[in-house]
Amino acid sequence: MIDIVKFKEKPFELGFKKVYNISEFKIVEGGKSLEDNRKLIERKMSIFLSPEKNINKNSVKFLDTGLNHVICKIATDRIIAIGISFSSLLNSENVSLTLTKLRYNIKLCKKYKTKIIIGSFAENMFEMRSMKDLMAFGRVIGLNEKEAKEALNFTK
């Protein structure tokens, strides 16, 4: 089991085999709209991180999560993983809306067999979470135990 963080200092020992820095991967963060995300997914990368993070166009009838079937199909074909960041939930202004978006994105990824990565993606040491916490987070957003373990076992 691994974790990915954004800070440079030595991370806490929380039961992971390895803790990587985000700079060791080719990662692109989600854009401000579904159209931006569609253009971003065409780039060469290994992880498309938090497609829902910067999206604010939501209404009662439409929830924009930053993913759709086209983006999921492209990610599956190009072997690009969708990154789910615990830090984005931790720092969210509207936790319930963020959880709803994450659950919907997980449903899409499972339907189109897109690889999922769960990590703390912590900006500092105090945002890091243990392996069991991230597994529980995976269960909350719609993964079963086996899928949650696979999402934590990402290799470069």
N, C-alpha and C. Protein backbone atom coordinates (compact mmCIF):
# COMPACT_ATOMS: atom_id res chain seq x y z
N MET A 1 0.84 -1.17 0.00
CA MET A 1 0.00 0.00 0.00
C MET A 1 0.90 1.24 0.00
N ILE A 2 0.52 2.19 -0.82
CA ILE A 2 1.31 3.41 -0.93
C ILE A 2 0.44 4.63 -0.68
N ASP A 3 1.10 5.76 -0.46
CA ASP A 3 0.41 7.05 -0.36
C ASP A 3 1.20 8.05 -1.18
N ILE A 4 0.52 9.09 -1.63
CA ILE A 4 1.15 10.15 -2.42
C ILE A 4 0.88 11.46 -1.70
N VAL A 5 1.92 12.27 -1.50
CA VAL A 5 1.79 13.54 -0.80
C VAL A 5 2.36 14.67 -1.65
N LYS A 6 2.02 15.91 -1.29
CA LYS A 6 2.46 17.07 -2.05
C LYS A 6 3.61 17.82 -1.39
N PHE A 7 3.95 17.51 -0.16
CA PHE A 7 4.99 18.26 0.54
C PHE A 7 6.33 17.54 0.45
N LYS A 8 7.42 18.26 0.74
CA LYS A 8 8.78 17.73 0.56
C LYS A 8 9.38 17.13 1.84
N GLU A 9 8.89 17.51 3.02
CA GLU A 9 9.46 17.03 4.27
C GLU A 9 9.27 15.52 4.42
N LYS A 10 9.97 14.95 5.39
CA LYS A 10 9.83 13.52 5.66
C LYS A 10 8.45 13.26 6.25
N PRO A 11 7.64 12.39 5.62
CA PRO A 11 6.27 12.16 6.10
C PRO A 11 6.23 11.26 7.33
N PHE A 12 5.10 11.24 8.02
CA PHE A 12 4.87 10.36 9.16
C PHE A 12 4.84 8.91 8.70
N GLU A 13 5.19 8.01 9.60
CA GLU A 13 5.07 6.57 9.34
C GLU A 13 3.65 6.16 9.71
N LEU A 14 2.83 5.84 8.75
CA LEU A 14 1.43 5.51 9.02
C LEU A 14 1.04 4.14 8.49
N GLY A 15 2.01 3.25 8.32
CA GLY A 15 1.70 1.88 7.90
C GLY A 15 1.80 1.64 6.41
N PHE A 16 2.25 2.62 5.63
CA PHE A 16 2.40 2.44 4.19
C PHE A 16 3.76 1.83 3.88
N LYS A 17 3.82 1.03 2.81
CA LYS A 17 5.10 0.49 2.37
C LYS A 17 5.99 1.60 1.85
N LYS A 18 5.38 2.54 1.13
CA LYS A 18 6.14 3.63 0.51
C LYS A 18 5.25 4.87 0.44
N VAL A 19 5.84 6.03 0.70
CA VAL A 19 5.14 7.31 0.54
C VAL A 19 5.88 8.08 -0.54
N TYR A 20 5.20 8.34 -1.65
CA TYR A 20 5.79 9.05 -2.79
C TYR A 20 5.43 10.52 -2.74
N ASN A 21 6.31 11.32 -3.35
CA ASN A 21 5.99 12.73 -3.55
C ASN A 21 5.28 12.85 -4.88
N ILE A 22 4.40 13.81 -4.97
CA ILE A 22 3.58 14.00 -6.18
C ILE A 22 4.46 14.27 -7.42
N SER A 23 5.66 14.81 -7.21
CA SER A 23 6.54 15.13 -8.34
C SER A 23 7.11 13.87 -9.01
N GLU A 24 6.98 12.72 -8.39
CA GLU A 24 7.48 11.48 -8.96
C GLU A 24 6.54 10.88 -10.00
N PHE A 25 5.37 11.49 -10.18
CA PHE A 25 4.37 11.00 -11.14
C PHE A 25 4.05 12.10 -12.14
N LYS A 26 3.50 11.70 -13.26
CA LYS A 26 2.96 12.68 -14.22
C LYS A 26 1.48 12.86 -13.86
N ILE A 27 1.20 13.93 -13.12
CA ILE A 27 -0.14 14.17 -12.60
C ILE A 27 -0.67 15.49 -13.14
N VAL A 28 -1.92 15.48 -13.58
CA VAL A 28 -2.60 16.70 -14.02
C VAL A 28 -3.85 16.84 -13.15
N GLU A 29 -4.04 18.04 -12.58
CA GLU A 29 -5.24 18.28 -11.77
C GLU A 29 -6.38 18.74 -12.65
N GLY A 30 -7.61 18.49 -12.19
CA GLY A 30 -8.81 18.83 -12.93
C GLY A 30 -8.94 20.32 -13.21
N GLY A 31 -9.62 20.64 -14.31
CA GLY A 31 -9.82 22.02 -14.71
C GLY A 31 -11.09 22.62 -14.13
N LYS A 32 -11.49 23.76 -14.69
CA LYS A 32 -12.64 24.50 -14.17
C LYS A 32 -13.97 24.09 -14.78
N SER A 33 -13.94 23.25 -15.80
CA SER A 33 -15.19 22.82 -16.44
C SER A 33 -15.00 21.44 -17.04
N LEU A 34 -16.10 20.84 -17.42
CA LEU A 34 -16.07 19.53 -18.06
C LEU A 34 -15.31 19.60 -19.37
N GLU A 35 -15.45 20.70 -20.10
CA GLU A 35 -14.73 20.88 -21.36
C GLU A 35 -13.22 20.96 -21.12
N ASP A 36 -12.82 21.67 -20.06
CA ASP A 36 -11.39 21.73 -19.72
C ASP A 36 -10.85 20.34 -19.41
N ASN A 37 -11.61 19.58 -18.63
CA ASN A 37 -11.18 18.23 -18.27
C ASN A 37 -11.07 17.34 -19.50
N ARG A 38 -11.97 17.53 -20.45
CA ARG A 38 -11.94 16.76 -21.71
C ARG A 38 -10.64 17.05 -22.47
N LYS A 39 -10.21 18.32 -22.47
CA LYS A 39 -8.95 18.69 -23.14
C LYS A 39 -7.74 18.20 -22.35
N LEU A 40 -7.82 18.28 -21.00
CA LEU A 40 -6.69 17.87 -20.16
C LEU A 40 -6.41 16.38 -20.26
N ILE A 41 -7.45 15.56 -20.41
CA ILE A 41 -7.27 14.11 -20.43
C ILE A 41 -6.51 13.65 -21.68
N GLU A 42 -6.43 14.52 -22.68
CA GLU A 42 -5.68 14.19 -23.90
C GLU A 42 -4.16 14.25 -23.68
N ARG A 43 -3.72 14.90 -22.59
CA ARG A 43 -2.28 15.01 -22.31
C ARG A 43 -1.71 13.67 -21.86
N LYS A 44 -0.39 13.57 -21.94
CA LYS A 44 0.28 12.36 -21.47
C LYS A 44 0.47 12.49 -19.96
N MET A 45 -0.13 11.55 -19.22
CA MET A 45 -0.05 11.57 -17.76
C MET A 45 -0.30 10.18 -17.23
N SER A 46 -0.05 10.00 -15.94
CA SER A 46 -0.35 8.72 -15.31
C SER A 46 -1.58 8.82 -14.40
N ILE A 47 -1.81 10.02 -13.82
CA ILE A 47 -2.95 10.21 -12.91
C ILE A 47 -3.65 11.53 -13.25
N PHE A 48 -4.96 11.47 -13.39
CA PHE A 48 -5.80 12.66 -13.54
C PHE A 48 -6.43 12.90 -12.18
N LEU A 49 -5.90 13.90 -11.46
CA LEU A 49 -6.24 14.10 -10.05
C LEU A 49 -7.41 15.05 -9.86
N SER A 50 -8.35 14.64 -9.03
CA SER A 50 -9.48 15.45 -8.58
C SER A 50 -10.20 16.19 -9.70
N PRO A 51 -10.83 15.48 -10.62
CA PRO A 51 -11.55 16.16 -11.70
C PRO A 51 -12.70 17.02 -11.19
N GLU A 52 -13.17 16.76 -9.98
CA GLU A 52 -14.32 17.50 -9.42
C GLU A 52 -13.92 18.76 -8.66
N LYS A 53 -12.65 18.95 -8.40
CA LYS A 53 -12.19 19.95 -7.44
C LYS A 53 -12.58 21.40 -7.79
N ASN A 54 -12.38 21.84 -9.00
CA ASN A 54 -12.59 23.24 -9.37
C ASN A 54 -13.93 23.51 -10.05
N ILE A 55 -14.79 22.52 -10.09
CA ILE A 55 -16.07 22.64 -10.78
C ILE A 55 -17.11 23.26 -9.86
N ASN A 56 -17.75 24.35 -10.31
CA ASN A 56 -18.75 25.00 -9.47
C ASN A 56 -20.10 25.15 -10.15
N LYS A 57 -20.27 24.61 -11.37
CA LYS A 57 -21.53 24.74 -12.10
C LYS A 57 -22.49 23.63 -11.68
N ASN A 58 -23.15 23.80 -10.56
CA ASN A 58 -24.10 22.80 -10.09
C ASN A 58 -25.45 23.46 -9.87
N SER A 59 -26.49 22.73 -10.19
CA SER A 59 -27.83 23.23 -9.94
C SER A 59 -28.66 22.09 -9.36
N VAL A 60 -29.91 22.34 -9.13
CA VAL A 60 -30.78 21.32 -8.56
C VAL A 60 -30.92 20.13 -9.52
N LYS A 61 -30.97 20.41 -10.82
CA LYS A 61 -31.20 19.36 -11.81
C LYS A 61 -29.92 18.78 -12.40
N PHE A 62 -28.77 19.42 -12.18
CA PHE A 62 -27.55 18.97 -12.84
C PHE A 62 -26.38 19.08 -11.87
N LEU A 63 -25.67 17.98 -11.68
CA LEU A 63 -24.48 17.95 -10.85
C LEU A 63 -23.28 17.74 -11.76
N ASP A 64 -22.42 18.74 -11.86
CA ASP A 64 -21.22 18.63 -12.69
C ASP A 64 -20.08 18.10 -11.84
N THR A 65 -19.65 16.88 -12.11
CA THR A 65 -18.62 16.24 -11.29
C THR A 65 -17.24 16.27 -11.93
N GLY A 66 -17.14 16.82 -13.13
CA GLY A 66 -15.85 16.89 -13.80
C GLY A 66 -15.53 15.66 -14.63
N LEU A 67 -16.35 14.62 -14.53
CA LEU A 67 -16.16 13.41 -15.33
C LEU A 67 -17.44 13.10 -16.10
N ASN A 68 -17.26 12.47 -17.24
CA ASN A 68 -18.40 11.91 -17.96
C ASN A 68 -17.92 10.62 -18.65
N HIS A 69 -18.79 9.99 -19.39
CA HIS A 69 -18.44 8.72 -20.01
C HIS A 69 -17.31 8.85 -21.02
N VAL A 70 -17.24 9.97 -21.72
CA VAL A 70 -16.19 10.17 -22.73
C VAL A 70 -14.82 10.24 -22.05
N ILE A 71 -14.71 11.02 -20.99
CA ILE A 71 -13.45 11.16 -20.27
C ILE A 71 -13.03 9.82 -19.67
N CYS A 72 -13.98 9.08 -19.12
CA CYS A 72 -13.67 7.77 -18.54
C CYS A 72 -13.18 6.80 -19.61
N LYS A 73 -13.80 6.81 -20.77
CA LYS A 73 -13.37 5.91 -21.85
C LYS A 73 -11.95 6.26 -22.32
N ILE A 74 -11.67 7.56 -22.47
CA ILE A 74 -10.33 7.98 -22.88
C ILE A 74 -9.31 7.57 -21.83
N ALA A 75 -9.63 7.78 -20.55
CA ALA A 75 -8.72 7.41 -19.47
C ALA A 75 -8.47 5.90 -19.46
N THR A 76 -9.49 5.11 -19.68
CA THR A 76 -9.33 3.66 -19.72
C THR A 76 -8.45 3.25 -20.90
N ASP A 77 -8.70 3.82 -22.07
CA ASP A 77 -7.92 3.48 -23.26
C ASP A 77 -6.46 3.87 -23.12
N ARG A 78 -6.18 4.99 -22.50
CA ARG A 78 -4.81 5.49 -22.36
C ARG A 78 -4.14 5.05 -21.06
N ILE A 79 -4.83 4.22 -20.30
CA ILE A 79 -4.33 3.71 -19.01
C ILE A 79 -3.96 4.88 -18.09
N ILE A 80 -4.89 5.79 -17.93
CA ILE A 80 -4.76 6.92 -17.02
C ILE A 80 -5.67 6.65 -15.83
N ALA A 81 -5.12 6.78 -14.63
CA ALA A 81 -5.90 6.55 -13.42
C ALA A 81 -6.57 7.85 -12.98
N ILE A 82 -7.76 7.74 -12.43
CA ILE A 82 -8.45 8.89 -11.85
C ILE A 82 -8.06 8.94 -10.38
N GLY A 83 -7.46 10.04 -9.96
CA GLY A 83 -6.99 10.18 -8.58
C GLY A 83 -8.04 10.80 -7.69
N ILE A 84 -8.29 10.15 -6.56
CA ILE A 84 -9.23 10.65 -5.57
C ILE A 84 -8.40 11.13 -4.38
N SER A 85 -8.50 12.43 -4.09
CA SER A 85 -7.69 13.05 -3.06
C SER A 85 -8.49 13.23 -1.77
N PHE A 86 -7.98 12.63 -0.68
CA PHE A 86 -8.63 12.84 0.61
C PHE A 86 -8.45 14.29 1.06
N SER A 87 -7.33 14.89 0.69
CA SER A 87 -7.06 16.28 1.06
C SER A 87 -8.09 17.24 0.48
N SER A 88 -8.57 16.96 -0.73
CA SER A 88 -9.58 17.84 -1.33
C SER A 88 -10.90 17.78 -0.55
N LEU A 89 -11.22 16.61 0.00
CA LEU A 89 -12.41 16.48 0.85
C LEU A 89 -12.17 17.17 2.18
N LEU A 90 -11.00 17.00 2.74
CA LEU A 90 -10.65 17.58 4.03
C LEU A 90 -10.69 19.11 3.98
N ASN A 91 -10.28 19.69 2.86
CA ASN A 91 -10.24 21.15 2.72
C ASN A 91 -11.44 21.73 1.98
N SER A 92 -12.45 20.92 1.75
CA SER A 92 -13.62 21.35 0.99
C SER A 92 -14.50 22.29 1.82
N GLU A 93 -15.08 23.27 1.14
CA GLU A 93 -16.02 24.17 1.81
C GLU A 93 -17.39 23.52 1.97
N ASN A 94 -17.74 22.62 1.06
CA ASN A 94 -19.02 21.92 1.10
C ASN A 94 -18.75 20.42 1.03
N VAL A 95 -18.56 19.81 2.19
CA VAL A 95 -18.16 18.41 2.26
C VAL A 95 -19.21 17.48 1.66
N SER A 96 -20.48 17.75 1.91
CA SER A 96 -21.52 16.86 1.39
C SER A 96 -21.58 16.89 -0.14
N LEU A 97 -21.41 18.06 -0.74
CA LEU A 97 -21.40 18.16 -2.19
C LEU A 97 -20.17 17.45 -2.77
N THR A 98 -19.03 17.62 -2.13
CA THR A 98 -17.81 16.95 -2.59
C THR A 98 -17.95 15.44 -2.50
N LEU A 99 -18.51 14.94 -1.41
CA LEU A 99 -18.74 13.49 -1.28
C LEU A 99 -19.68 12.98 -2.35
N THR A 100 -20.73 13.74 -2.65
CA THR A 100 -21.68 13.35 -3.70
C THR A 100 -20.97 13.25 -5.04
N LYS A 101 -20.14 14.24 -5.35
CA LYS A 101 -19.40 14.23 -6.61
C LYS A 101 -18.44 13.04 -6.67
N LEU A 102 -17.75 12.76 -5.57
CA LEU A 102 -16.81 11.64 -5.53
C LEU A 102 -17.54 10.31 -5.74
N ARG A 103 -18.68 10.14 -5.10
CA ARG A 103 -19.45 8.90 -5.24
C ARG A 103 -19.90 8.70 -6.69
N TYR A 104 -20.34 9.79 -7.33
CA TYR A 104 -20.77 9.69 -8.73
C TYR A 104 -19.58 9.35 -9.63
N ASN A 105 -18.44 10.00 -9.38
CA ASN A 105 -17.25 9.72 -10.19
C ASN A 105 -16.79 8.27 -10.02
N ILE A 106 -16.90 7.72 -8.82
CA ILE A 106 -16.55 6.32 -8.59
C ILE A 106 -17.48 5.41 -9.38
N LYS A 107 -18.78 5.74 -9.39
CA LYS A 107 -19.73 4.93 -10.18
C LYS A 107 -19.34 4.92 -11.65
N LEU A 108 -18.99 6.10 -12.19
CA LEU A 108 -18.58 6.18 -13.59
C LEU A 108 -17.31 5.36 -13.85
N CYS A 109 -16.34 5.51 -12.97
CA CYS A 109 -15.07 4.78 -13.15
C CYS A 109 -15.28 3.28 -13.10
N LYS A 110 -16.13 2.82 -12.20
CA LYS A 110 -16.41 1.38 -12.12
C LYS A 110 -17.14 0.90 -13.36
N LYS A 111 -18.08 1.70 -13.86
CA LYS A 111 -18.85 1.31 -15.03
C LYS A 111 -17.96 1.18 -16.27
N TYR A 112 -17.01 2.10 -16.44
CA TYR A 112 -16.16 2.10 -17.62
C TYR A 112 -14.78 1.48 -17.37
N LYS A 113 -14.63 0.81 -16.21
CA LYS A 113 -13.41 0.08 -15.85
C LYS A 113 -12.16 0.97 -15.88
N THR A 114 -12.34 2.20 -15.39
CA THR A 114 -11.23 3.14 -15.30
C THR A 114 -10.51 2.92 -13.98
N LYS A 115 -9.19 2.92 -14.03
CA LYS A 115 -8.40 2.70 -12.82
C LYS A 115 -8.60 3.86 -11.84
N ILE A 116 -8.68 3.53 -10.56
CA ILE A 116 -8.90 4.53 -9.50
C ILE A 116 -7.72 4.49 -8.55
N ILE A 117 -7.25 5.66 -8.16
CA ILE A 117 -6.18 5.79 -7.18
C ILE A 117 -6.72 6.61 -6.01
N ILE A 118 -6.54 6.11 -4.80
CA ILE A 118 -6.90 6.88 -3.61
C ILE A 118 -5.61 7.22 -2.88
N GLY A 119 -5.47 8.46 -2.49
CA GLY A 119 -4.31 8.89 -1.72
C GLY A 119 -4.66 10.09 -0.88
N SER A 120 -3.81 10.38 0.09
CA SER A 120 -4.08 11.56 0.91
C SER A 120 -3.78 12.83 0.13
N PHE A 121 -2.78 12.81 -0.75
CA PHE A 121 -2.34 13.97 -1.50
C PHE A 121 -2.23 15.18 -0.57
N ALA A 122 -1.68 14.91 0.61
CA ALA A 122 -1.59 15.90 1.69
C ALA A 122 -0.66 17.05 1.32
N GLU A 123 -1.07 18.24 1.67
CA GLU A 123 -0.24 19.44 1.42
C GLU A 123 0.74 19.66 2.57
N ASN A 124 0.49 19.05 3.73
CA ASN A 124 1.42 19.09 4.87
C ASN A 124 1.28 17.78 5.64
N MET A 125 2.17 17.55 6.59
CA MET A 125 2.19 16.28 7.31
C MET A 125 0.90 16.03 8.08
N PHE A 126 0.24 17.07 8.51
CA PHE A 126 -0.93 16.91 9.37
C PHE A 126 -2.20 16.57 8.59
N GLU A 127 -2.14 16.63 7.27
CA GLU A 127 -3.26 16.19 6.44
C GLU A 127 -3.15 14.73 6.05
N MET A 128 -2.04 14.09 6.37
CA MET A 128 -1.85 12.67 6.05
C MET A 128 -2.83 11.82 6.85
N ARG A 129 -3.25 10.71 6.27
CA ARG A 129 -4.13 9.77 6.95
C ARG A 129 -3.54 8.37 6.83
N SER A 130 -3.88 7.52 7.78
CA SER A 130 -3.35 6.16 7.78
C SER A 130 -3.98 5.34 6.66
N MET A 131 -3.38 4.19 6.43
CA MET A 131 -3.86 3.28 5.40
C MET A 131 -5.30 2.86 5.68
N LYS A 132 -5.61 2.57 6.93
CA LYS A 132 -6.97 2.15 7.29
C LYS A 132 -7.97 3.29 7.08
N ASP A 133 -7.56 4.52 7.35
CA ASP A 133 -8.44 5.67 7.12
C ASP A 133 -8.76 5.83 5.64
N LEU A 134 -7.75 5.67 4.79
CA LEU A 134 -7.97 5.80 3.35
C LEU A 134 -8.80 4.64 2.80
N MET A 135 -8.64 3.46 3.39
CA MET A 135 -9.48 2.33 2.97
C MET A 135 -10.94 2.60 3.35
N ALA A 136 -11.15 3.12 4.55
CA ALA A 136 -12.51 3.45 4.98
C ALA A 136 -13.10 4.55 4.10
N PHE A 137 -12.28 5.51 3.72
CA PHE A 137 -12.71 6.57 2.80
C PHE A 137 -13.16 5.97 1.47
N GLY A 138 -12.40 5.01 0.98
CA GLY A 138 -12.77 4.32 -0.26
C GLY A 138 -14.11 3.60 -0.13
N ARG A 139 -14.35 3.00 1.01
CA ARG A 139 -15.63 2.31 1.25
C ARG A 139 -16.78 3.31 1.29
N VAL A 140 -16.55 4.48 1.87
CA VAL A 140 -17.60 5.51 1.97
C VAL A 140 -17.98 6.02 0.58
N ILE A 141 -17.02 6.16 -0.31
CA ILE A 141 -17.34 6.72 -1.63
C ILE A 141 -17.78 5.67 -2.65
N GLY A 142 -17.90 4.40 -2.22
CA GLY A 142 -18.52 3.43 -3.11
C GLY A 142 -17.67 2.27 -3.57
N LEU A 143 -16.49 2.10 -3.02
CA LEU A 143 -15.66 0.96 -3.39
C LEU A 143 -15.86 -0.17 -2.39
N ASN A 144 -15.76 -1.41 -2.85
CA ASN A 144 -15.76 -2.50 -1.88
C ASN A 144 -14.34 -2.66 -1.34
N GLU A 145 -14.14 -3.57 -0.41
CA GLU A 145 -12.84 -3.69 0.25
C GLU A 145 -11.72 -4.04 -0.73
N LYS A 146 -12.00 -4.96 -1.65
CA LYS A 146 -11.00 -5.36 -2.65
C LYS A 146 -10.63 -4.18 -3.55
N GLU A 147 -11.62 -3.44 -4.02
CA GLU A 147 -11.36 -2.28 -4.89
C GLU A 147 -10.61 -1.19 -4.14
N ALA A 148 -10.92 -1.00 -2.86
CA ALA A 148 -10.22 0.00 -2.06
C ALA A 148 -8.75 -0.37 -1.89
N LYS A 149 -8.46 -1.65 -1.68
CA LYS A 149 -7.06 -2.10 -1.57
C LYS A 149 -6.32 -1.88 -2.89
N GLU A 150 -6.98 -2.20 -4.00
CA GLU A 150 -6.36 -1.99 -5.31
C GLU A 150 -6.09 -0.51 -5.56
N ALA A 151 -7.01 0.35 -5.10
CA ALA A 151 -6.84 1.80 -5.30
C ALA A 151 -5.68 2.35 -4.48
N LEU A 152 -5.30 1.65 -3.43
CA LEU A 152 -4.15 2.07 -2.61
C LEU A 152 -2.85 1.40 -3.04
N ASN A 153 -2.90 0.47 -3.97
CA ASN A 153 -1.71 -0.26 -4.43
C ASN A 153 -1.29 0.19 -5.82
N PHE A 154 -1.13 1.46 -6.02
CA PHE A 154 -0.73 1.99 -7.32
C PHE A 154 0.77 1.85 -7.50
N THR A 155 1.18 1.39 -8.67
CA THR A 155 2.60 1.33 -8.99
C THR A 155 2.89 2.24 -10.17
N LYS A 156 4.11 2.74 -10.19
CA LYS A 156 4.49 3.67 -11.27
C LYS A 156 4.56 2.96 -12.60
